Amino acid sequence: MNTRSKYIRYSLFLLIAVFLMMPAIQQVTQIVDLTPLKGAIKTPTKAKLTVDSWFSGDYQPIEEEYLNETFGFRSVFVRINNQIAFSFFRKAKANGVIIGKKNYLYEKNYLKAYGGLDYIGSDSIRRRIERLKMIQDTLATLNKQLVVVFAAGKGSFYPEYFPDEYAIPADSTNYSSHIALARKNGLDFIDFNSYFIDNKLKSPYPLYPQYGIHWSHYGMSRVADSLIKYIENARQIDMPDIYWDEITLSQPLDTDYDIADGMNILFRLKSFDMAYPKIKFESDSGKVKPSVLVISDSFYWGIFNMGFSKVFSNDHFWFYNKQIYPDSFKEPLSTDQINLIEEINKHDVIIIMATEATLPGLGWGFIEQAFNSYTNPDLESKNRMSYWLEVEEMKRIIRADSLWMNLVIKKAADKNIDVDSMLSLDAKYVIDRKKAGK
């Protein structure tokens, strides 16, 4: 064997040896600064080596799991594997992610919601809406507003890019049933889902991203502005407004790319440009700043993080009715640690928000908790849910009496209020007089 041949063989051997050793070197030295994987990544705990753990066999499987999840360059190898699955097999190595036509990305729950596969039934939704209406009426007597917000959903917004097996809408969905029953029962709500669909082709900038699951930054900014205007109208006040006089266009950033980020692939996906308004807040001089409590899924995070609290005197966000923010940024605080009625009494506006994929759990226990709390016989009579059950029964009696109902309609026109409000006033008047023995 000549010298040149030996040199080549030794060089190849050395190169392979270095390549095989690099993960171990990287794990110990972290010589290369790598971008961590995104998503719900949980690093296993490193095993503690003791005589007992070694001979009992407890140490080995724990350490093996730790090494498998933390070896050097693991994030690079994961991204290579995920890129191959995406590029060659149209598979997403991310839990619940579905790749649609033209590479539009969805979470499976949104496709299920569009197809009615997660439908909880009309009776369950009717019972929920009736409870919400009773809570709304109870809070109205305390000069508080309850507003239910139906956030836009990517399934309803981009059904044209569904994989063929998912592209069949259902006759009954949680969203359509909630909207129909909310209207029928006189519940105060905002339907951003239909608003986004109606403005899909009219909006100057995209309302929903191609690779994100939440509404776009631009769409979210319009939602925040609409919420302020709604509260102003409901409470007849003038709040500080949000506005923007500058918009930057760029490839998707932050939550506009959150599903793709969670896929952890090597190369960034190309999309249409997204709009990023530079949000500003009007001076609060001479303005009214109510207190707001928001119970929501992740669709409120963007609004919360944009500084929405600046238009309120007190702003709380109960994430899935569990963690309380901003308090939990300093020290974890959960809703099971506070008194519900006391917290409601501290706020002027209570917003319950959910997108179509999370509608089965709307309120995440808050509705039932509030309903049960207001049923407590220790509360003042007009704050008890039993009082409002009597009101609802009296309203039913009035509706069944055509002469009485016609009188209610006339009084509503004279007072320039809606008929349902006049009906509630008449029903309460009758019940209060009965309780007073008149």
Protein backbone atom coordinates (compact mmCIF):
# COMPACT_ATOMS: atom_id res chain seq x y z
CA MET A 1 0.00 0.00 0.00
CA ASN A 2 1.56 3.33 -1.04
CA THR A 3 1.88 6.34 1.26
CA ARG A 4 -0.87 8.29 -0.49
CA SER A 5 -3.39 5.45 -0.04
CA LYS A 6 -2.52 5.12 3.65
CA TYR A 7 -2.93 8.86 4.12
CA ILE A 8 -6.40 8.76 2.58
CA ARG A 9 -7.47 5.81 4.73
CA TYR A 10 -6.16 7.35 7.94
CA SER A 11 -7.78 10.67 7.09
CA LEU A 12 -11.13 9.00 6.46
CA PHE A 13 -10.83 7.03 9.69
CA LEU A 14 -9.97 10.19 11.63
CA LEU A 15 -12.84 12.08 9.99
CA ILE A 16 -15.34 9.35 10.89
CA ALA A 17 -14.00 9.13 14.45
CA VAL A 18 -14.31 12.90 14.92
CA PHE A 19 -17.82 12.83 13.45
CA LEU A 20 -18.86 10.06 15.85
CA MET A 21 -17.30 11.87 18.79
CA MET A 22 -18.84 15.27 18.03
CA PRO A 23 -22.19 14.62 19.78
CA ALA A 24 -20.34 13.64 22.97
CA ILE A 25 -18.02 16.65 22.69
CA GLN A 26 -20.98 18.97 22.09
CA GLN A 27 -22.89 17.53 25.06
CA VAL A 28 -19.98 18.20 27.41
CA THR A 29 -18.68 21.52 26.02
CA GLN A 30 -21.68 23.06 24.21
CA ILE A 31 -19.07 24.40 21.82
CA VAL A 32 -21.69 25.18 19.16
CA ASP A 33 -24.56 27.52 20.10
CA LEU A 34 -27.66 25.73 18.79
CA THR A 35 -31.22 27.02 18.51
CA PRO A 36 -33.34 24.93 20.91
CA LEU A 37 -36.33 22.98 19.66
CA LYS A 38 -39.67 24.75 19.97
CA GLY A 39 -42.91 23.47 21.39
CA ALA A 40 -43.76 21.46 24.49
CA ILE A 41 -40.26 20.07 25.01
CA LYS A 42 -39.65 18.53 28.41
CA THR A 43 -36.08 17.61 29.35
CA PRO A 44 -35.87 14.49 31.54
CA THR A 45 -34.22 14.76 34.94
CA LYS A 46 -30.66 13.50 35.09
CA ALA A 47 -30.38 10.38 37.23
CA LYS A 48 -28.49 10.56 40.51
CA LEU A 49 -25.93 7.77 40.76
CA THR A 50 -25.85 6.00 44.12
CA VAL A 51 -24.95 2.49 45.19
CA ASP A 52 -28.62 1.73 45.86
CA SER A 53 -29.89 3.15 42.53
CA TRP A 54 -27.20 1.23 40.60
CA PHE A 55 -27.86 -2.19 42.09
CA SER A 56 -31.66 -1.73 42.17
CA GLY A 57 -31.65 -0.94 38.44
CA ASP A 58 -33.38 2.42 38.90
CA TYR A 59 -30.43 4.48 37.66
CA GLN A 60 -29.96 2.93 34.22
CA PRO A 61 -33.37 3.58 32.55
CA ILE A 62 -33.54 7.15 33.93
CA GLU A 63 -30.04 7.97 32.72
CA GLU A 64 -30.72 6.32 29.36
CA GLU A 65 -33.79 8.50 28.83
CA TYR A 66 -31.82 11.59 29.84
CA LEU A 67 -28.96 10.83 27.41
CA ASN A 68 -31.36 10.06 24.56
CA GLU A 69 -33.00 13.48 24.97
CA THR A 70 -29.90 15.59 25.62
CA PHE A 71 -27.03 14.20 23.50
CA GLY A 72 -25.04 16.74 21.50
CA PHE A 73 -26.56 18.06 18.26
CA ARG A 74 -29.84 16.29 19.03
CA SER A 75 -31.82 19.34 17.89
CA VAL A 76 -30.03 19.26 14.51
CA PHE A 77 -30.75 15.57 13.97
CA VAL A 78 -34.40 16.06 14.98
CA ARG A 79 -34.76 18.89 12.46
CA ILE A 80 -33.15 16.82 9.71
CA ASN A 81 -35.54 13.93 10.43
CA ASN A 82 -38.57 16.26 10.53
CA GLN A 83 -37.53 17.99 7.31
CA ILE A 84 -37.26 14.67 5.47
CA ALA A 85 -40.72 13.62 6.73
CA PHE A 86 -42.21 16.96 5.63
CA SER A 87 -40.47 17.35 2.26
CA PHE A 88 -40.68 13.78 0.99
CA PHE A 89 -43.66 12.24 2.78
CA ARG A 90 -45.84 15.30 3.67
CA LYS A 91 -45.83 14.26 7.31
CA ALA A 92 -45.66 16.65 10.24
CA LYS A 93 -43.58 15.43 13.18
CA ALA A 94 -45.62 17.53 15.59
CA ASN A 95 -48.53 16.37 17.71
CA GLY A 96 -51.92 17.05 16.10
CA VAL A 97 -50.60 19.00 13.10
CA ILE A 98 -52.25 18.41 9.72
CA ILE A 99 -50.66 19.51 6.42
CA GLY A 100 -53.29 20.86 4.05
CA LYS A 101 -53.23 21.82 0.40
CA LYS A 102 -50.47 24.26 -0.64
CA ASN A 103 -48.80 23.43 2.69
CA TYR A 104 -51.39 25.31 4.77
CA LEU A 105 -50.91 24.07 8.33
CA TYR A 106 -53.70 23.23 10.77
CA GLU A 107 -54.14 21.71 14.18
CA LYS A 108 -56.41 18.69 13.94
CA ASN A 109 -58.92 20.02 16.50
CA TYR A 110 -59.86 22.87 14.13
CA LEU A 111 -60.67 20.44 11.34
CA LYS A 112 -62.71 18.34 13.75
CA ALA A 113 -64.61 21.44 14.90
CA TYR A 114 -65.40 22.45 11.31
CA GLY A 115 -66.69 18.95 10.58
CA GLY A 116 -68.74 18.74 13.79
CA LEU A 117 -66.74 15.76 15.03
CA ASP A 118 -66.43 17.31 18.50
CA TYR A 119 -70.11 18.32 18.78
CA ILE A 120 -71.26 18.23 22.42
CA GLY A 121 -74.99 18.26 21.63
CA SER A 122 -77.76 20.85 21.56
CA ASP A 123 -78.96 20.11 25.11
CA SER A 124 -75.53 20.78 26.61
CA ILE A 125 -75.14 23.99 24.64
CA ARG A 126 -78.68 25.16 25.46
CA ARG A 127 -78.06 24.61 29.18
CA ARG A 128 -74.76 26.50 28.95
CA ILE A 129 -76.31 29.46 27.10
CA GLU A 130 -79.21 29.68 29.54
CA ARG A 131 -76.78 29.78 32.45
CA LEU A 132 -74.73 32.46 30.71
CA LYS A 133 -77.87 34.54 30.15
CA MET A 134 -78.80 34.28 33.83
CA ILE A 135 -75.27 35.28 34.86
CA GLN A 136 -75.41 38.16 32.39
CA ASP A 137 -78.71 39.43 33.82
CA THR A 138 -77.43 39.06 37.38
CA LEU A 139 -74.31 41.07 36.60
CA ALA A 140 -76.37 43.72 34.80
CA THR A 141 -78.13 44.54 38.10
CA LEU A 142 -74.64 45.20 39.52
CA ASN A 143 -73.77 47.49 36.58
CA LYS A 144 -71.44 44.90 35.08
CA GLN A 145 -71.24 43.49 31.56
CA LEU A 146 -70.76 39.86 30.60
CA VAL A 147 -69.57 39.47 27.02
CA VAL A 148 -69.06 36.13 25.26
CA VAL A 149 -66.53 36.35 22.43
CA PHE A 150 -66.35 33.77 19.66
CA ALA A 151 -62.81 34.06 18.34
CA ALA A 152 -62.04 33.36 14.70
CA GLY A 153 -60.97 29.80 13.87
CA LYS A 154 -58.58 28.69 11.17
CA GLY A 155 -60.80 25.78 10.17
CA SER A 156 -63.72 28.03 9.26
CA PHE A 157 -61.43 30.64 7.72
CA TYR A 158 -59.44 28.35 5.39
CA PRO A 159 -61.60 25.30 4.63
CA GLU A 160 -60.53 25.40 0.97
CA TYR A 161 -57.06 24.10 1.91
CA PHE A 162 -58.24 21.14 3.98
CA PRO A 163 -57.03 17.68 3.00
CA ASP A 164 -59.89 16.09 1.03
CA GLU A 165 -60.89 13.72 3.82
CA TYR A 166 -61.63 16.65 6.15
CA ALA A 167 -63.34 19.03 3.72
CA ILE A 168 -66.95 18.15 4.63
CA PRO A 169 -68.78 20.67 6.86
CA ALA A 170 -71.36 19.34 9.31
CA ASP A 171 -75.00 20.41 9.71
CA SER A 172 -74.46 20.85 13.45
CA THR A 173 -71.30 22.23 15.01
CA ASN A 174 -70.55 23.67 18.42
CA TYR A 175 -70.01 27.07 16.84
CA SER A 176 -73.26 27.22 14.86
CA SER A 177 -75.32 25.94 17.80
CA HIS A 178 -73.76 28.41 20.24
CA ILE A 179 -74.46 31.33 17.90
CA ALA A 180 -78.08 30.29 17.21
CA LEU A 181 -78.92 29.73 20.88
CA ALA A 182 -77.09 32.87 22.01
CA ARG A 183 -79.24 34.94 19.64
CA LYS A 184 -82.42 33.16 20.70
CA ASN A 185 -81.73 33.75 24.40
CA GLY A 186 -80.63 37.38 24.10
CA LEU A 187 -77.06 36.71 25.19
CA ASP A 188 -74.56 39.52 24.57
CA PHE A 189 -71.79 38.22 22.32
CA ILE A 190 -69.33 39.18 19.60
CA ASP A 191 -68.89 36.81 16.67
CA PHE A 192 -65.41 37.44 15.31
CA ASN A 193 -65.51 34.14 13.44
CA SER A 194 -68.15 35.33 10.99
CA TYR A 195 -66.59 38.83 10.92
CA PHE A 196 -63.25 37.40 9.78
CA ILE A 197 -64.91 35.23 7.13
CA ASP A 198 -66.98 38.18 5.83
CA ASN A 199 -63.84 40.34 5.58
CA LYS A 200 -61.52 37.66 4.26
CA LEU A 201 -61.34 39.20 0.78
CA LYS A 202 -62.02 42.79 1.85
CA SER A 203 -59.24 43.22 4.40
CA PRO A 204 -56.18 45.12 3.12
CA TYR A 205 -53.92 42.69 4.99
CA PRO A 206 -54.22 38.97 5.85
CA LEU A 207 -56.45 38.23 8.84
CA TYR A 208 -55.08 34.71 9.22
CA PRO A 209 -51.62 33.29 8.53
CA GLN A 210 -50.72 30.27 6.45
CA TYR A 211 -48.50 28.63 9.05
CA GLY A 212 -49.98 29.88 12.34
CA ILE A 213 -52.98 28.71 14.35
CA HIS A 214 -54.02 32.06 15.84
CA TRP A 215 -55.44 35.12 14.11
CA SER A 216 -52.77 37.30 12.51
CA HIS A 217 -51.15 40.19 14.35
CA TYR A 218 -53.11 42.54 12.11
CA GLY A 219 -56.38 40.66 12.71
CA MET A 220 -55.69 40.59 16.45
CA SER A 221 -55.15 44.37 16.44
CA ARG A 222 -58.55 44.88 14.81
CA VAL A 223 -60.11 42.58 17.42
CA ALA A 224 -58.60 44.62 20.26
CA ASP A 225 -59.94 47.83 18.72
CA SER A 226 -63.40 46.27 18.31
CA LEU A 227 -63.45 45.08 21.93
CA ILE A 228 -62.77 48.62 23.15
CA LYS A 229 -65.55 50.04 20.99
CA TYR A 230 -67.97 47.35 22.16
CA ILE A 231 -67.27 48.06 25.84
CA GLU A 232 -67.56 51.81 25.24
CA ASN A 233 -70.98 51.35 23.68
CA ALA A 234 -72.19 48.88 26.32
CA ARG A 235 -71.18 51.10 29.24
CA GLN A 236 -71.70 54.46 27.48
CA ILE A 237 -68.17 55.61 28.30
CA ASP A 238 -65.15 56.99 26.42
CA MET A 239 -62.08 54.76 26.84
CA PRO A 240 -58.50 55.28 25.61
CA ASP A 241 -58.32 53.98 22.06
CA ILE A 242 -55.61 51.94 20.41
CA TYR A 243 -54.35 53.01 17.00
CA TRP A 244 -51.51 52.59 14.55
CA ASP A 245 -50.02 54.91 11.93
CA GLU A 246 -47.32 52.54 10.77
CA ILE A 247 -47.50 48.98 9.43
CA THR A 248 -44.51 46.79 8.61
CA LEU A 249 -44.83 44.00 6.04
CA SER A 250 -42.65 40.92 6.41
CA GLN A 251 -42.60 37.16 6.26
CA PRO A 252 -44.57 35.57 9.17
CA LEU A 253 -43.23 36.25 12.66
CA ASP A 254 -44.03 35.00 16.17
CA THR A 255 -47.55 33.50 16.41
CA ASP A 256 -48.06 33.96 12.67
CA TYR A 257 -45.60 31.09 12.30
CA ASP A 258 -46.31 29.11 15.47
CA ILE A 259 -47.39 25.79 13.93
CA ALA A 260 -44.37 25.73 11.60
CA ASP A 261 -42.11 26.61 14.52
CA GLY A 262 -43.50 23.65 16.43
CA MET A 263 -42.70 21.33 13.51
CA ASN A 264 -38.96 21.99 14.06
CA ILE A 265 -37.81 21.63 10.45
CA LEU A 266 -34.50 22.81 8.98
CA PHE A 267 -35.68 25.35 6.42
CA ARG A 268 -38.12 28.21 6.91
CA LEU A 269 -41.31 27.99 4.85
CA LYS A 270 -42.10 30.76 2.37
CA SER A 271 -45.46 32.50 2.67
CA PHE A 272 -47.26 35.71 1.71
CA ASP A 273 -46.21 38.80 3.67
CA MET A 274 -47.99 39.52 6.93
CA ALA A 275 -48.80 42.96 8.39
CA TYR A 276 -47.46 44.15 11.75
CA PRO A 277 -49.07 47.35 13.04
CA LYS A 278 -47.06 49.44 15.46
CA ILE A 279 -49.63 49.64 18.24
CA LYS A 280 -50.03 52.91 20.14
CA PHE A 281 -52.37 53.89 22.95
CA GLU A 282 -54.30 57.12 23.26
CA SER A 283 -53.67 59.23 26.36
CA ASP A 284 -56.00 58.29 29.21
CA SER A 285 -56.46 61.93 30.23
CA GLY A 286 -60.20 62.54 30.59
CA LYS A 287 -60.95 58.93 29.67
CA VAL A 288 -62.76 56.20 31.59
CA LYS A 289 -60.78 53.02 32.29
CA PRO A 290 -63.05 50.16 33.43
CA SER A 291 -61.77 46.99 35.05
CA VAL A 292 -61.81 43.80 32.95
CA LEU A 293 -61.60 40.08 33.69
CA VAL A 294 -60.97 37.79 30.72
CA ILE A 295 -61.41 34.01 30.82
CA SER A 296 -59.98 32.67 27.59
CA ASP A 297 -57.90 30.17 25.70
CA SER A 298 -54.60 31.16 24.05
CA PHE A 299 -56.33 33.54 21.62
CA TYR A 300 -56.18 36.30 24.23
CA TRP A 301 -52.43 36.02 24.78
CA GLY A 302 -51.53 38.23 21.82
CA ILE A 303 -53.99 40.94 22.89
CA PHE A 304 -52.77 40.71 26.47
CA ASN A 305 -49.12 40.96 25.41
CA MET A 306 -49.69 43.97 23.15
CA GLY A 307 -50.34 46.03 26.28
CA PHE A 308 -54.14 45.89 26.28
CA SER A 309 -54.08 46.52 30.04
CA LYS A 310 -53.27 50.19 29.33
CA VAL A 311 -56.91 50.90 28.49
CA PHE A 312 -58.17 49.38 31.76
CA SER A 313 -57.80 50.34 35.40
CA ASN A 314 -57.44 46.68 36.34
CA ASP A 315 -56.81 43.86 33.87
CA HIS A 316 -56.81 40.15 34.68
CA PHE A 317 -56.49 37.17 32.37
CA TRP A 318 -57.52 33.72 33.60
CA PHE A 319 -55.84 31.35 31.17
CA TYR A 320 -58.25 28.43 30.69
CA ASN A 321 -59.74 29.48 34.06
CA LYS A 322 -56.59 28.18 35.78
CA GLN A 323 -53.53 30.45 35.93
CA ILE A 324 -54.14 34.11 36.81
CA TYR A 325 -52.13 36.74 34.95
CA PRO A 326 -50.35 39.13 35.37
CA ASP A 327 -50.01 37.86 38.98
CA SER A 328 -48.54 34.50 37.90
CA PHE A 329 -45.60 36.23 36.20
CA LYS A 330 -44.26 36.99 39.70
CA GLU A 331 -45.56 34.01 41.66
CA PRO A 332 -47.92 31.25 40.48
CA LEU A 333 -51.55 32.04 41.30
CA SER A 334 -54.47 29.82 40.27
CA THR A 335 -58.21 30.35 40.31
CA ASP A 336 -58.72 27.73 43.00
CA GLN A 337 -56.89 30.05 45.40
CA ILE A 338 -59.30 32.97 45.13
CA ASN A 339 -62.96 33.75 45.94
CA LEU A 340 -64.89 33.87 42.68
CA ILE A 341 -67.63 36.33 43.68
CA GLU A 342 -65.12 38.69 45.30
CA GLU A 343 -63.04 38.70 42.13
CA ILE A 344 -66.06 39.30 39.90
CA ASN A 345 -67.09 42.21 42.12
CA LYS A 346 -63.71 43.85 41.46
CA HIS A 347 -64.33 44.03 37.70
CA ASP A 348 -66.74 45.99 35.49
CA VAL A 349 -66.52 43.78 32.42
CA ILE A 350 -66.22 39.99 32.28
CA ILE A 351 -65.22 38.51 28.92
CA ILE A 352 -65.38 34.79 28.15
CA MET A 353 -63.61 33.96 24.90
CA ALA A 354 -62.94 30.77 22.92
CA THR A 355 -62.17 29.74 19.38
CA GLU A 356 -64.13 27.01 17.57
CA ALA A 357 -61.67 24.24 18.53
CA THR A 358 -61.98 24.98 22.26
CA LEU A 359 -65.73 25.71 22.36
CA PRO A 360 -66.55 22.32 23.94
CA GLY A 361 -64.91 23.60 27.13
CA LEU A 362 -66.10 27.24 26.94
CA GLY A 363 -65.44 28.93 30.29
CA TRP A 364 -63.51 25.85 31.51
CA GLY A 365 -65.64 25.66 34.64
CA PHE A 366 -66.16 29.40 35.17
CA ILE A 367 -69.77 29.35 33.94
CA GLU A 368 -70.75 26.52 36.26
CA GLN A 369 -68.83 28.05 39.18
CA ALA A 370 -70.46 31.44 38.72
CA PHE A 371 -73.91 29.89 38.30
CA ASN A 372 -73.51 27.85 41.48
CA SER A 373 -72.08 30.80 43.40
CA TYR A 374 -75.03 33.02 42.53
CA THR A 375 -77.39 30.23 43.60
CA ASN A 376 -75.95 30.45 47.12
CA PRO A 377 -78.88 31.30 49.46
CA ASP A 378 -76.54 33.34 51.68
CA LEU A 379 -76.27 36.02 49.00
CA GLU A 380 -78.61 39.00 48.80
CA SER A 381 -81.79 37.92 47.01
CA LYS A 382 -81.21 39.91 43.80
CA ASN A 383 -77.76 38.34 43.43
CA ARG A 384 -79.07 34.79 43.74
CA MET A 385 -79.59 32.70 40.66
CA SER A 386 -82.88 31.46 42.14
CA TYR A 387 -84.17 35.02 41.81
CA TRP A 388 -83.31 35.00 38.12
CA LEU A 389 -84.96 31.65 37.63
CA GLU A 390 -88.15 33.31 38.90
CA VAL A 391 -87.59 36.18 36.49
CA GLU A 392 -87.22 33.79 33.56
CA GLU A 393 -90.41 31.97 34.55
CA MET A 394 -92.30 35.28 34.80
CA LYS A 395 -91.01 36.28 31.35
CA ARG A 396 -92.40 33.02 29.99
CA ILE A 397 -95.80 33.81 31.55
CA ILE A 398 -95.80 37.31 30.05
CA ARG A 399 -94.94 36.00 26.59
CA ALA A 400 -97.88 33.57 26.79
CA ASP A 401 -100.26 36.47 27.49
CA SER A 402 -100.70 38.30 24.17
CA LEU A 403 -102.28 41.42 25.73
CA TRP A 404 -99.51 41.73 28.31
CA MET A 405 -96.82 41.08 25.71
CA ASN A 406 -98.24 43.75 23.39
CA LEU A 407 -98.10 46.19 26.29
CA VAL A 408 -94.45 45.29 26.87
CA ILE A 409 -93.68 45.88 23.17
CA LYS A 410 -95.36 49.32 23.32
CA LYS A 411 -93.43 50.31 26.48
CA ALA A 412 -90.16 49.16 24.88
CA ALA A 413 -90.83 51.44 21.90
CA ASP A 414 -91.73 54.36 24.19
CA LYS A 415 -88.54 53.92 26.24
CA ASN A 416 -86.42 53.24 23.13
CA ILE A 417 -85.04 49.95 24.51
CA ASP A 418 -85.18 46.42 23.12
CA VAL A 419 -88.19 44.24 23.88
CA ASP A 420 -86.23 41.61 25.87
CA SER A 421 -84.89 44.29 28.23
CA MET A 422 -88.39 45.68 28.76
CA LEU A 423 -89.66 42.16 29.33
CA SER A 424 -87.01 41.60 32.01
CA LEU A 425 -87.90 44.90 33.70
CA ASP A 426 -91.60 44.01 33.83
CA ALA A 427 -90.89 40.52 35.14
CA LYS A 428 -88.61 41.87 37.88
CA TYR A 429 -91.17 44.51 38.81
CA VAL A 430 -93.88 41.87 39.31
CA ILE A 431 -91.63 39.56 41.33
CA ASP A 432 -90.30 42.36 43.54
CA ARG A 433 -93.83 43.51 44.33
CA LYS A 434 -94.86 39.95 45.22
CA LYS A 435 -91.89 39.58 47.56
CA ALA A 436 -92.78 42.92 49.17
CA GLY A 437 -96.35 41.64 49.74
CA LYS A 438 -97.96 44.23 47.45
